[in-house]
Amino acid sequence: MRFKASNLMLPKKHRLSKKKDFERVLKQGRGLKKDFLSLKTIENDLGFHRFGFIVGKRVSNKANKRNKIKRRLREIVRLKLKENALISQGKDSVFIVLKDMKDMSFIETVKIVGDLLKEAGIE
């Protein structure tokens, strides 16, 4: 069975990519924190969600570890979008990883992300 990369990626319209968008969310957004993860979120006028991910060098000096963490978080968000669990419309959200999550399993990470999304009123 072959998989298309497009089926395994967060859709482009749901990605937060511009620096000004990140800055707006970080400066004006409402923040929540749980374990190793922080979530900042703010309303947008687009009618759909956009997500960004920040993993700083404090988490790991190695880029491959930081990228693995971002890929894991993107996959969790993609699955939430796919199952239509994200019911509120039009928010920009940025996940900020605060410390290394190497001891966390994928299932634990899914639970923490889900809890943050519920608390933020997104899920």
Protein backbone atom coordinates (compact mmCIF):
# COMPACT_ATOMS: atom_id res chain seq x y z
CA MET A 1 0.00 0.00 0.00
CA ARG A 2 1.40 3.37 -0.99
CA PHE A 3 0.67 6.61 0.79
CA LYS A 4 0.66 10.01 -0.80
CA ALA A 5 2.57 12.61 1.17
CA SER A 6 -0.33 15.02 0.72
CA ASN A 7 -2.57 12.65 2.69
CA LEU A 8 -0.13 12.63 5.59
CA MET A 9 0.49 16.37 5.87
CA LEU A 10 -1.39 19.20 7.50
CA PRO A 11 -3.28 20.89 4.64
CA LYS A 12 -1.68 24.13 3.47
CA LYS A 13 -4.74 26.25 4.28
CA HIS A 14 -4.48 25.10 7.91
CA ARG A 15 -0.84 26.15 8.30
CA LEU A 16 0.28 29.35 9.93
CA SER A 17 3.36 30.42 8.02
CA LYS A 18 3.84 34.19 7.92
CA LYS A 19 5.93 35.89 10.58
CA LYS A 20 3.33 38.62 11.11
CA ASP A 21 0.65 35.99 11.81
CA PHE A 22 2.87 34.28 14.39
CA GLU A 23 3.65 37.63 16.02
CA ARG A 24 -0.04 38.56 16.18
CA VAL A 25 -0.94 35.30 17.89
CA LEU A 26 1.98 35.48 20.31
CA LYS A 27 1.34 39.12 21.31
CA GLN A 28 -2.46 39.22 21.40
CA GLY A 29 -3.48 35.58 21.84
CA ARG A 30 -4.89 33.92 24.92
CA GLY A 31 -2.43 31.47 26.42
CA LEU A 32 -2.86 28.06 28.02
CA LYS A 33 -0.23 25.70 29.38
CA LYS A 34 -0.13 22.01 30.20
CA ASP A 35 2.95 19.88 30.96
CA PHE A 36 5.52 20.49 28.23
CA LEU A 37 3.21 22.39 25.88
CA SER A 38 1.77 25.90 25.65
CA LEU A 39 -1.01 27.01 23.30
CA LYS A 40 -1.74 30.58 22.24
CA THR A 41 -4.88 31.23 20.26
CA ILE A 42 -6.72 34.19 18.74
CA GLU A 43 -9.75 34.61 16.49
CA ASN A 44 -9.30 35.07 12.74
CA ASP A 45 -11.73 36.17 10.02
CA LEU A 46 -11.05 33.26 7.68
CA GLY A 47 -13.66 30.77 8.89
CA PHE A 48 -11.15 27.94 9.35
CA HIS A 49 -8.36 27.07 11.74
CA ARG A 50 -4.66 27.67 11.16
CA PHE A 51 -1.91 26.19 13.30
CA GLY A 52 1.74 27.00 13.88
CA PHE A 53 4.40 25.17 15.87
CA ILE A 54 7.42 26.54 17.72
CA VAL A 55 10.16 24.30 19.09
CA GLY A 56 13.13 26.33 20.30
CA LYS A 57 16.75 25.37 20.82
CA ARG A 58 16.11 25.10 24.56
CA VAL A 59 14.20 21.92 23.81
CA SER A 60 17.07 20.40 21.83
CA ASN A 61 20.15 21.68 20.04
CA LYS A 62 19.63 19.07 17.35
CA ALA A 63 17.39 20.15 14.48
CA ASN A 64 16.29 16.60 13.72
CA LYS A 65 14.83 16.25 17.23
CA ARG A 66 13.04 19.60 17.00
CA ASN A 67 11.64 18.66 13.58
CA LYS A 68 10.46 15.28 14.88
CA ILE A 69 8.52 17.02 17.65
CA LYS A 70 6.92 19.39 15.11
CA ARG A 71 6.01 16.50 12.80
CA ARG A 72 4.39 14.66 15.71
CA LEU A 73 2.32 17.71 16.71
CA ARG A 74 1.30 18.40 13.09
CA GLU A 75 0.12 14.82 12.72
CA ILE A 76 -2.01 15.05 15.86
CA VAL A 77 -3.63 18.26 14.62
CA ARG A 78 -4.14 16.75 11.15
CA LEU A 79 -5.94 13.78 12.67
CA LYS A 80 -8.12 16.09 14.77
CA LEU A 81 -9.06 18.04 11.63
CA LYS A 82 -9.77 14.82 9.74
CA GLU A 83 -12.16 13.50 12.38
CA ASN A 84 -13.93 16.90 12.44
CA ALA A 85 -13.23 17.27 16.14
CA LEU A 86 -12.41 20.95 15.68
CA ILE A 87 -15.86 22.48 15.80
CA SER A 88 -15.33 26.18 16.51
CA GLN A 89 -14.55 28.23 13.44
CA GLY A 90 -11.80 30.66 12.65
CA LYS A 91 -8.89 30.62 15.09
CA ASP A 92 -5.15 30.96 14.67
CA SER A 93 -3.25 28.83 17.16
CA VAL A 94 0.43 28.39 17.96
CA PHE A 95 1.77 25.42 19.91
CA ILE A 96 4.97 26.22 21.80
CA VAL A 97 7.02 23.31 23.14
CA LEU A 98 8.51 24.30 26.49
CA LYS A 99 10.76 21.35 27.23
CA ASP A 100 11.89 18.11 25.67
CA MET A 101 9.11 15.58 25.29
CA LYS A 102 11.35 12.59 24.62
CA ASP A 103 9.78 10.66 27.51
CA MET A 104 6.25 11.24 26.21
CA SER A 105 4.54 8.59 24.15
CA PHE A 106 2.44 9.53 21.13
CA ILE A 107 -0.75 8.65 23.03
CA GLU A 108 0.18 10.90 25.97
CA THR A 109 0.95 13.72 23.55
CA VAL A 110 -2.44 13.25 21.83
CA LYS A 111 -4.17 13.53 25.21
CA ILE A 112 -2.30 16.71 26.18
CA VAL A 113 -2.98 18.36 22.80
CA GLY A 114 -6.65 17.36 23.02
CA ASP A 115 -6.93 18.78 26.53
CA LEU A 116 -5.40 22.08 25.44
CA LEU A 117 -7.70 22.32 22.42
CA LYS A 118 -10.77 21.65 24.60
CA GLU A 119 -9.67 24.20 27.17
CA ALA A 120 -9.13 26.79 24.42
CA GLY A 121 -12.64 26.13 23.06
CA ILE A 122 -11.39 24.81 19.73
CA GLU A 123 -12.41 21.17 20.11
